[in-house]
Amino acid sequence: MEVIDLARIDVVLMRQDPPFDMGYITATHVLEHVHPRTLVVNDPAEVRNAPEKLFVTQFPDLMPDTLITASRPEIEAFRAEHKDIIVKPLYGNGGAGVFHLKPDDENLGALLETFTLLYREPVIVQKYLPEIRQGDKRIILVEGEPVGAVSRIPQEGEARANFHAGGSAGGTKLTRREQEICERIGPALREKGLIFVGIDVIGDFLTEINVTSPTGIQEINRLDENTGADRIEHKMWDAIEARVSNSA
C-alpha cells in the first residue's frame, strides 16, 4: 500500500457514488482541505451543494411539474391534479425506489408509509412523462458544453430507463430543446467548478443533474464509435489540464 499526500499532486478525480449520505458528505469535506491547490473534479463544496434531484430545482422552468414534500395531503392534491405521477426518494440513485402510480393505483398510502420508515427526508413527486416509453436521454457535459448523449430505453413493462434498472442503450443526437437546456445550465456548471456532469432529459424536460459519478461514457463511445480526441474522456482530461494550466 502506498500513502499519497493529496496536497502534493495536481488533480483528484472524485468519483463518489451515491447515495447522498454522511460518507458522501464527509468525502467532500476532506477533499476541501486540498482544493483548489490540488484541483478536485468536481469541486467538492459544489458537489455537496448539488444533490442530483435538488440542484435541478434551480431551473424550475426546465423541469416537469414537481413537488418535494413530506405532506401526504399535498401529495394527494398533486396526484389529483396530474393523475399519473412518479414517486421517488429524494436521495435515491440508479432508479431504485422509483414508482409510477396511475390514477386507479391504491398503493400510494402504503408506499408513503414505507418511505417514511426507510427515509427521514421528504419524497419527490413528479408528473409522469409518457415520453419515457421512448427512453430518457443521458447527456454528458464537459465545462458546461454537451459532448455526447445516449438514449436509455426501459424494458417492456418498466417505468425506469436507468442502466442499473435494465435499460438498454440507443444512439441519439441532441434535439434543439436539449441544446437549449445545455445552454441554460452550462454557465452555472462552469462557475461552480462542475467540470464533468451528466444530465437526464425526458421529452422536453430536465429531470436530474448528476455531478458526482455520471455514467454513460462507455455506451456513448461504443455507439458513436468515437476515437482519439473525439472520445469523451479525452475531452474531459483536456478540460482538466486546461484548468490546471490556468491556475499555475
Protein backbone atom coordinates (compact mmCIF):
# COMPACT_ATOMS: atom_id res chain seq x y z
CA MET A 1 0.00 0.00 0.00
CA GLU A 2 1.22 3.49 -0.85
CA VAL A 3 0.22 6.57 1.15
CA ILE A 4 -0.10 9.69 -1.03
CA ASP A 5 -0.33 13.27 0.18
CA LEU A 6 -3.14 14.67 -1.98
CA ALA A 7 -1.89 18.20 -1.43
CA ARG A 8 1.23 17.34 -3.46
CA ILE A 9 -0.48 16.11 -6.62
CA ASP A 10 -2.12 18.05 -9.43
CA VAL A 11 -5.60 16.51 -9.75
CA VAL A 12 -8.02 14.34 -7.78
CA LEU A 13 -10.94 12.87 -9.72
CA MET A 14 -13.77 12.41 -7.23
CA ARG A 15 -15.99 9.52 -8.23
CA GLN A 16 -18.19 9.46 -5.15
CA ASP A 17 -21.06 7.10 -5.80
CA PRO A 18 -24.47 7.96 -4.37
CA PRO A 19 -26.42 7.67 -2.10
CA PHE A 20 -26.07 11.12 -0.67
CA ASP A 21 -25.21 10.05 2.90
CA MET A 22 -22.72 11.02 5.62
CA GLY A 23 -19.91 9.08 3.92
CA TYR A 24 -20.56 11.09 0.78
CA ILE A 25 -20.64 14.40 2.68
CA THR A 26 -17.51 13.53 4.65
CA ALA A 27 -15.57 12.85 1.45
CA THR A 28 -16.39 16.35 0.19
CA HIS A 29 -15.27 17.93 3.48
CA VAL A 30 -11.96 16.04 3.42
CA LEU A 31 -11.23 16.99 -0.19
CA GLU A 32 -11.97 20.64 0.53
CA HIS A 33 -8.72 20.70 2.51
CA VAL A 34 -6.68 20.32 -0.69
CA HIS A 35 -8.88 22.08 -3.25
CA PRO A 36 -8.15 24.27 -5.20
CA ARG A 37 -4.39 23.91 -4.62
CA THR A 38 -4.97 20.38 -5.82
CA LEU A 39 -7.73 20.54 -8.43
CA VAL A 40 -10.59 18.31 -7.30
CA VAL A 41 -13.01 17.32 -10.08
CA ASN A 42 -15.72 18.16 -9.40
CA ASP A 43 -15.32 21.00 -6.83
CA PRO A 44 -16.14 19.18 -3.56
CA ALA A 45 -18.11 22.01 -1.96
CA GLU A 46 -20.26 22.38 -5.05
CA VAL A 47 -20.76 18.62 -5.27
CA ARG A 48 -22.01 18.67 -1.68
CA ASN A 49 -24.33 21.56 -2.51
CA ALA A 50 -25.75 19.94 -5.64
CA PRO A 51 -27.55 16.66 -4.86
CA GLU A 52 -28.98 15.48 -8.17
CA LYS A 53 -32.70 15.89 -7.54
CA LEU A 54 -32.34 19.20 -5.67
CA PHE A 55 -29.81 21.04 -7.84
CA VAL A 56 -32.16 20.72 -10.80
CA THR A 57 -34.80 22.77 -8.93
CA GLN A 58 -32.67 25.86 -9.56
CA PHE A 59 -34.03 25.64 -13.12
CA PRO A 60 -37.76 25.18 -12.46
CA ASP A 61 -38.85 26.24 -15.94
CA LEU A 62 -36.86 23.35 -17.43
CA MET A 63 -38.41 20.71 -15.16
CA PRO A 64 -41.66 18.75 -15.28
CA ASP A 65 -44.20 19.72 -12.62
CA THR A 66 -42.54 18.64 -9.37
CA LEU A 67 -43.34 18.54 -5.67
CA ILE A 68 -40.86 17.91 -2.84
CA THR A 69 -42.67 17.33 0.44
CA ALA A 70 -43.35 15.03 3.37
CA SER A 71 -47.03 16.06 3.45
CA ARG A 72 -49.44 13.36 2.37
CA PRO A 73 -52.31 15.84 1.70
CA GLU A 74 -50.06 17.85 -0.63
CA ILE A 75 -49.04 14.68 -2.47
CA GLU A 76 -52.67 13.63 -2.81
CA ALA A 77 -53.60 17.07 -4.17
CA PHE A 78 -50.73 16.88 -6.67
CA ARG A 79 -51.93 13.46 -7.77
CA ALA A 80 -55.50 14.68 -8.14
CA GLU A 81 -54.23 17.39 -10.48
CA HIS A 82 -51.80 15.36 -12.57
CA LYS A 83 -53.33 11.84 -12.38
CA ASP A 84 -50.25 9.80 -13.42
CA ILE A 85 -47.33 10.53 -11.08
CA ILE A 86 -43.83 9.35 -10.26
CA VAL A 87 -42.83 8.99 -6.60
CA LYS A 88 -39.18 8.52 -5.67
CA PRO A 89 -36.77 9.02 -2.76
CA LEU A 90 -35.04 12.40 -2.74
CA TYR A 91 -31.55 10.90 -2.47
CA GLY A 92 -32.03 7.67 -4.40
CA ASN A 93 -29.91 6.57 -7.35
CA GLY A 94 -29.87 4.12 -10.23
CA GLY A 95 -33.67 4.06 -10.43
CA ALA A 96 -34.01 2.42 -7.00
CA GLY A 97 -37.28 3.20 -5.26
CA VAL A 98 -38.91 4.88 -8.28
CA PHE A 99 -42.66 4.17 -8.57
CA HIS A 100 -45.14 5.04 -11.30
CA LEU A 101 -48.63 5.42 -9.83
CA LYS A 102 -51.63 5.58 -12.17
CA PRO A 103 -54.90 7.26 -11.11
CA ASP A 104 -56.52 3.96 -10.08
CA ASP A 105 -53.50 2.66 -8.15
CA GLU A 106 -54.42 2.10 -4.49
CA ASN A 107 -50.87 1.80 -3.16
CA LEU A 108 -49.99 5.46 -2.55
CA GLY A 109 -50.74 5.32 1.18
CA ALA A 110 -48.75 2.15 1.76
CA LEU A 111 -45.91 3.48 -0.37
CA LEU A 112 -45.65 6.71 1.62
CA GLU A 113 -45.72 4.72 4.88
CA THR A 114 -42.84 2.59 3.60
CA PHE A 115 -40.86 5.67 2.52
CA THR A 116 -41.39 7.17 5.98
CA LEU A 117 -39.91 4.04 7.57
CA LEU A 118 -36.91 3.96 5.21
CA TYR A 119 -36.08 7.66 4.84
CA ARG A 120 -36.06 10.78 7.02
CA GLU A 121 -36.20 13.12 4.03
CA PRO A 122 -39.19 14.35 2.00
CA VAL A 123 -40.08 12.48 -1.16
CA ILE A 124 -40.05 13.87 -4.68
CA VAL A 125 -43.23 13.61 -6.73
CA GLN A 126 -43.36 14.44 -10.43
CA LYS A 127 -45.88 14.46 -13.21
CA TYR A 128 -45.44 11.26 -15.22
CA LEU A 129 -43.95 11.89 -18.65
CA PRO A 130 -45.20 9.30 -21.17
CA GLU A 131 -42.19 10.10 -23.37
CA ILE A 132 -40.21 7.80 -21.06
CA ARG A 133 -41.56 4.90 -23.16
CA GLN A 134 -39.23 6.11 -25.94
CA GLY A 135 -36.45 6.43 -23.37
CA ASP A 136 -34.78 9.16 -21.39
CA LYS A 137 -31.57 10.78 -22.53
CA ARG A 138 -28.28 10.97 -20.61
CA ILE A 139 -26.26 13.93 -21.88
CA ILE A 140 -22.64 14.38 -20.80
CA LEU A 141 -21.33 17.92 -20.40
CA VAL A 142 -17.69 18.94 -20.03
CA GLU A 143 -17.13 22.52 -18.83
CA GLY A 144 -20.81 23.16 -19.45
CA GLU A 145 -20.73 22.03 -23.08
CA PRO A 146 -22.52 18.89 -24.33
CA VAL A 147 -20.04 16.33 -25.66
CA GLY A 148 -22.21 13.25 -26.12
CA ALA A 149 -25.55 11.61 -25.40
CA VAL A 150 -27.18 8.21 -25.16
CA SER A 151 -30.83 7.17 -25.04
CA ARG A 152 -31.72 4.84 -22.18
CA ILE A 153 -34.70 2.76 -23.18
CA PRO A 154 -36.76 0.97 -20.49
CA GLN A 155 -37.62 -2.68 -20.66
CA GLU A 156 -41.15 -3.67 -21.56
CA GLY A 157 -43.42 -3.13 -18.56
CA GLU A 158 -40.82 -0.98 -16.76
CA ALA A 159 -41.12 2.74 -15.97
CA ARG A 160 -37.40 3.19 -15.29
CA ALA A 161 -34.84 3.61 -18.03
CA ASN A 162 -31.70 3.64 -15.85
CA PHE A 163 -28.98 1.22 -16.93
CA HIS A 164 -28.96 -0.13 -13.34
CA ALA A 165 -32.65 -0.94 -13.78
CA GLY A 166 -32.09 -2.84 -17.03
CA GLY A 167 -32.47 0.00 -19.53
CA SER A 168 -30.80 -0.52 -22.90
CA ALA A 169 -28.58 1.97 -24.74
CA GLY A 170 -29.50 3.55 -28.05
CA GLY A 171 -27.70 6.03 -30.26
CA THR A 172 -29.09 9.55 -30.39
CA LYS A 173 -28.47 13.17 -31.31
CA LEU A 174 -29.41 16.29 -29.36
CA THR A 175 -32.68 17.99 -30.21
CA ARG A 176 -32.95 21.78 -30.30
CA ARG A 177 -34.71 21.72 -26.93
CA GLU A 178 -31.90 19.66 -25.40
CA GLN A 179 -29.34 22.09 -26.77
CA GLU A 180 -31.31 24.93 -25.16
CA ILE A 181 -31.27 23.10 -21.83
CA CYS A 182 -27.49 22.70 -22.03
CA GLU A 183 -27.06 26.36 -22.94
CA ARG A 184 -29.14 27.38 -19.92
CA ILE A 185 -27.32 25.31 -17.33
CA GLY A 186 -23.81 25.41 -18.83
CA PRO A 187 -22.71 28.77 -17.35
CA ALA A 188 -23.78 27.71 -13.84
CA LEU A 189 -21.84 24.44 -14.14
CA ARG A 190 -18.66 26.24 -15.22
CA GLU A 191 -18.98 28.85 -12.48
CA LYS A 192 -19.36 26.18 -9.82
CA GLY A 193 -16.36 24.14 -10.99
CA LEU A 194 -18.57 21.26 -12.12
CA ILE A 195 -16.38 20.15 -14.99
CA PHE A 196 -17.82 16.67 -15.61
CA VAL A 197 -21.62 16.39 -15.42
CA GLY A 198 -24.38 14.12 -16.69
CA ILE A 199 -27.95 15.38 -17.09
CA ASP A 200 -31.14 13.41 -17.64
CA VAL A 201 -33.81 14.62 -20.06
CA ILE A 202 -37.22 13.07 -20.71
CA GLY A 203 -39.10 14.57 -23.64
CA ASP A 204 -38.65 18.32 -23.29
CA PHE A 205 -37.85 18.29 -19.57
CA LEU A 206 -34.70 18.23 -17.45
CA THR A 207 -35.14 15.76 -14.59
CA GLU A 208 -31.71 15.43 -12.94
CA ILE A 209 -28.24 16.99 -12.92
CA ASN A 210 -25.65 14.37 -11.90
CA VAL A 211 -22.42 15.87 -10.58
CA THR A 212 -20.86 13.01 -8.62
CA SER A 213 -20.38 9.89 -10.72
CA PRO A 214 -22.08 10.32 -14.13
CA THR A 215 -22.33 7.18 -16.21
CA GLY A 216 -22.87 6.73 -19.94
CA ILE A 217 -19.42 7.43 -21.40
CA GLN A 218 -18.76 3.82 -22.42
CA GLU A 219 -22.15 3.48 -24.10
CA ILE A 220 -21.79 6.79 -25.96
CA ASN A 221 -18.31 5.95 -27.21
CA ARG A 222 -19.39 2.50 -28.33
CA LEU A 223 -22.49 3.71 -30.16
CA ASP A 224 -20.76 6.70 -31.79
CA GLU A 225 -17.54 4.76 -32.49
CA ASN A 226 -15.58 7.71 -31.15
CA THR A 227 -11.80 7.55 -31.47
CA GLY A 228 -8.84 9.68 -30.42
CA ALA A 229 -9.58 13.23 -29.34
CA ASP A 230 -13.31 12.77 -30.02
CA ARG A 231 -13.69 10.37 -27.13
CA ILE A 232 -15.43 11.94 -24.16
CA GLU A 233 -12.74 11.01 -21.66
CA HIS A 234 -10.15 12.79 -23.80
CA LYS A 235 -12.26 15.95 -23.85
CA MET A 236 -12.70 15.73 -20.09
CA TRP A 237 -8.96 15.41 -19.43
CA ASP A 238 -8.22 18.22 -21.89
CA ALA A 239 -10.55 20.43 -19.84
CA ILE A 240 -8.91 19.35 -16.59
CA GLU A 241 -5.42 20.04 -17.94
CA ALA A 242 -6.56 23.49 -19.10
CA ARG A 243 -7.83 24.28 -15.60
CA VAL A 244 -4.54 23.15 -14.04
CA SER A 245 -2.52 25.21 -16.53
CA ASN A 246 -4.64 28.31 -15.94
CA SER A 247 -4.20 28.04 -12.17
CA ALA A 248 -0.41 27.59 -12.33
